[in-house]
Amino acid sequence: MDDFFTPENHKDFKALKLASDIDADIRDCAIAFIEPGGGGPYPDHTHSHNHLFTVISGIIEINEGNEKKQVSEGMSIIVNGELPHSVWNIGTVRAKVMGISLNKDS
């Protein structure tokens, strides 16, 4: 995991950017390994782009605005980047999550 990094204000969270500037719809793509109890950012953040998260294994909780949404293995969710949000591993094993950043018009 030499090329993996921990984003600012995250804990027990390792990410690897797989591609960037893919096309007009997709900003970038990354995979994240989140240990139990890990996640981030804290505090929740906002930005102009949306996320498409797909859980490869494990179970995560997405804080989005005033809602908490559980997403488990094989499920996907689009998160509105303009709402305060974060992602947390609420399971007992490492979560593997694919994240795609979508330009707002996508």
C-alpha atoms as a PDB file:
ATOM      1  CA  MET A   1       0.000   0.000   0.000  1.00  0.00           C
ATOM      2  CA  ASP A   2       2.886   2.337  -0.756  1.00  0.00           C
ATOM      3  CA  ASP A   3       0.860   4.668  -2.993  1.00  0.00           C
ATOM      4  CA  PHE A   4      -2.085   4.819  -0.598  1.00  0.00           C
ATOM      5  CA  PHE A   5      -2.670   7.995   1.400  1.00  0.00           C
ATOM      6  CA  THR A   6      -4.883   9.128   4.267  1.00  0.00           C
ATOM      7  CA  PRO A   7      -6.942  12.179   3.279  1.00  0.00           C
ATOM      8  CA  GLU A   8      -6.940  15.152   5.632  1.00  0.00           C
ATOM      9  CA  ASN A   9      -9.276  14.811   8.661  1.00  0.00           C
ATOM     10  CA  HIS A  10      -9.796  11.056   8.101  1.00  0.00           C
ATOM     11  CA  LYS A  11      -8.814   8.236  10.456  1.00  0.00           C
ATOM     12  CA  ASP A  12      -7.984   4.597   9.758  1.00  0.00           C
ATOM     13  CA  PHE A  13      -8.693   5.338   6.086  1.00  0.00           C
ATOM     14  CA  LYS A  14      -6.349   4.583   3.182  1.00  0.00           C
ATOM     15  CA  ALA A  15      -7.165   5.688  -0.372  1.00  0.00           C
ATOM     16  CA  LEU A  16      -5.595   5.192  -3.776  1.00  0.00           C
ATOM     17  CA  LYS A  17      -6.557   7.405  -6.723  1.00  0.00           C
ATOM     18  CA  LEU A  18      -6.949   5.169  -9.760  1.00  0.00           C
ATOM     19  CA  ALA A  19      -7.648   7.788 -12.434  1.00  0.00           C
ATOM     20  CA  SER A  20      -8.394  11.495 -12.786  1.00  0.00           C
ATOM     21  CA  ASP A  21      -9.821  13.871 -15.401  1.00  0.00           C
ATOM     22  CA  ILE A  22     -11.547  10.931 -17.050  1.00  0.00           C
ATOM     23  CA  ASP A  23     -14.160  12.838 -19.048  1.00  0.00           C
ATOM     24  CA  ALA A  24     -16.770  15.598 -18.779  1.00  0.00           C
ATOM     25  CA  ASP A  25     -18.860  13.549 -16.328  1.00  0.00           C
ATOM     26  CA  ILE A  26     -16.234  11.826 -14.162  1.00  0.00           C
ATOM     27  CA  ARG A  27     -13.611  13.807 -12.250  1.00  0.00           C
ATOM     28  CA  ASP A  28     -11.746  10.894 -10.677  1.00  0.00           C
ATOM     29  CA  CYS A  29     -11.971   7.367  -9.349  1.00  0.00           C
ATOM     30  CA  ALA A  30     -10.414   5.931  -6.187  1.00  0.00           C
ATOM     31  CA  ILE A  31     -10.555   2.899  -3.932  1.00  0.00           C
ATOM     32  CA  ALA A  32     -10.574   3.209  -0.155  1.00  0.00           C
ATOM     33  CA  PHE A  33      -9.855   0.747   2.632  1.00  0.00           C
ATOM     34  CA  ILE A  34     -11.545   1.858   5.841  1.00  0.00           C
ATOM     35  CA  GLU A  35     -10.835   0.092   9.120  1.00  0.00           C
ATOM     36  CA  PRO A  36     -13.652  -0.563  11.639  1.00  0.00           C
ATOM     37  CA  GLY A  37     -14.513   2.750  13.318  1.00  0.00           C
ATOM     38  CA  GLY A  38     -12.542   4.660  10.698  1.00  0.00           C
ATOM     39  CA  GLY A  39     -13.719   7.134   8.124  1.00  0.00           C
ATOM     40  CA  GLY A  40     -14.025  10.819   7.537  1.00  0.00           C
ATOM     41  CA  PRO A  41     -13.704  13.563   7.102  1.00  0.00           C
ATOM     42  CA  TYR A  42     -14.440  14.996  10.502  1.00  0.00           C
ATOM     43  CA  PRO A  43     -16.130  17.375  10.573  1.00  0.00           C
ATOM     44  CA  ASP A  44     -18.328  16.634   7.558  1.00  0.00           C
ATOM     45  CA  HIS A  45     -17.401  18.581   4.429  1.00  0.00           C
ATOM     46  CA  THR A  46     -18.975  19.957   1.243  1.00  0.00           C
ATOM     47  CA  HIS A  47     -17.792  20.587  -2.313  1.00  0.00           C
ATOM     48  CA  SER A  48     -19.208  21.173  -5.784  1.00  0.00           C
ATOM     49  CA  HIS A  49     -19.056  17.581  -7.076  1.00  0.00           C
ATOM     50  CA  ASN A  50     -21.095  14.501  -6.161  1.00  0.00           C
ATOM     51  CA  HIS A  51     -19.818  11.040  -5.194  1.00  0.00           C
ATOM     52  CA  LEU A  52     -20.877   7.613  -6.365  1.00  0.00           C
ATOM     53  CA  PHE A  53     -19.799   5.110  -3.703  1.00  0.00           C
ATOM     54  CA  THR A  54     -19.949   1.337  -4.261  1.00  0.00           C
ATOM     55  CA  VAL A  55     -19.225  -0.932  -1.310  1.00  0.00           C
ATOM     56  CA  ILE A  56     -17.110  -3.868  -2.456  1.00  0.00           C
ATOM     57  CA  SER A  57     -17.015  -5.439   1.013  1.00  0.00           C
ATOM     58  CA  GLY A  58     -18.095  -4.481   4.512  1.00  0.00           C
ATOM     59  CA  ILE A  59     -20.703  -1.962   5.616  1.00  0.00           C
ATOM     60  CA  ILE A  60     -20.445   1.822   5.780  1.00  0.00           C
ATOM     61  CA  GLU A  61     -22.584   4.650   7.027  1.00  0.00           C
ATOM     62  CA  ILE A  62     -22.894   7.822   5.012  1.00  0.00           C
ATOM     63  CA  ASN A  63     -23.681  10.993   6.931  1.00  0.00           C
ATOM     64  CA  GLU A  64     -25.414  13.271   4.410  1.00  0.00           C
ATOM     65  CA  GLY A  65     -27.028  16.422   5.703  1.00  0.00           C
ATOM     66  CA  ASN A  66     -29.265  15.343   8.594  1.00  0.00           C
ATOM     67  CA  GLU A  67     -29.514  11.710   7.396  1.00  0.00           C
ATOM     68  CA  LYS A  68     -27.468   8.597   8.085  1.00  0.00           C
ATOM     69  CA  LYS A  69     -27.600   5.938   5.374  1.00  0.00           C
ATOM     70  CA  GLN A  70     -26.189   2.418   5.694  1.00  0.00           C
ATOM     71  CA  VAL A  71     -24.649   0.937   2.567  1.00  0.00           C
ATOM     72  CA  SER A  72     -23.518  -2.676   2.549  1.00  0.00           C
ATOM     73  CA  GLU A  73     -21.606  -4.967   0.222  1.00  0.00           C
ATOM     74  CA  GLY A  74     -22.787  -4.786  -3.386  1.00  0.00           C
ATOM     75  CA  MET A  75     -24.761  -1.574  -2.863  1.00  0.00           C
ATOM     76  CA  SER A  76     -24.119   1.874  -4.349  1.00  0.00           C
ATOM     77  CA  ILE A  77     -25.194   5.366  -3.358  1.00  0.00           C
ATOM     78  CA  ILE A  78     -24.880   8.836  -4.859  1.00  0.00           C
ATOM     79  CA  VAL A  79     -23.962  11.483  -2.287  1.00  0.00           C
ATOM     80  CA  ASN A  80     -24.772  15.142  -2.937  1.00  0.00           C
ATOM     81  CA  GLY A  81     -21.490  17.001  -2.499  1.00  0.00           C
ATOM     82  CA  GLU A  82     -23.266  20.235  -1.601  1.00  0.00           C
ATOM     83  CA  LEU A  83     -24.667  18.659   1.590  1.00  0.00           C
ATOM     84  CA  PRO A  84     -22.297  18.166   4.536  1.00  0.00           C
ATOM     85  CA  HIS A  85     -21.174  14.537   4.306  1.00  0.00           C
ATOM     86  CA  SER A  86     -18.720  11.903   5.493  1.00  0.00           C
ATOM     87  CA  VAL A  87     -18.305   8.115   5.325  1.00  0.00           C
ATOM     88  CA  TRP A  88     -17.659   5.732   8.241  1.00  0.00           C
ATOM     89  CA  ASN A  89     -17.046   2.008   8.609  1.00  0.00           C
ATOM     90  CA  ILE A  90     -19.688   0.789  11.066  1.00  0.00           C
ATOM     91  CA  GLY A  91     -18.826  -2.894  10.621  1.00  0.00           C
ATOM     92  CA  THR A  92     -16.328  -5.204  12.279  1.00  0.00           C
ATOM     93  CA  VAL A  93     -14.107  -5.820   9.231  1.00  0.00           C
ATOM     94  CA  ARG A  94     -12.216  -3.530   6.854  1.00  0.00           C
ATOM     95  CA  ALA A  95     -14.565  -1.938   4.316  1.00  0.00           C
ATOM     96  CA  LYS A  96     -13.480  -1.677   0.685  1.00  0.00           C
ATOM     97  CA  VAL A  97     -15.208   1.161  -1.147  1.00  0.00           C
ATOM     98  CA  MET A  98     -14.935   2.393  -4.732  1.00  0.00           C
ATOM     99  CA  GLY A  99     -15.522   6.117  -5.038  1.00  0.00           C
ATOM    100  CA  ILE A 100     -16.196   8.022  -8.242  1.00  0.00           C
ATOM    101  CA  SER A 101     -16.360  11.818  -8.169  1.00  0.00           C
ATOM    102  CA  LEU A 102     -19.009  13.064 -10.580  1.00  0.00           C
ATOM    103  CA  ASN A 103     -19.169  16.539 -12.037  1.00  0.00           C
ATOM    104  CA  LYS A 104     -22.315  18.309 -10.832  1.00  0.00           C
ATOM    105  CA  ASP A 105     -24.189  18.110 -14.136  1.00  0.00           C
ATOM    106  CA  SER A 106     -23.856  14.296 -14.255  1.00  0.00           C
END
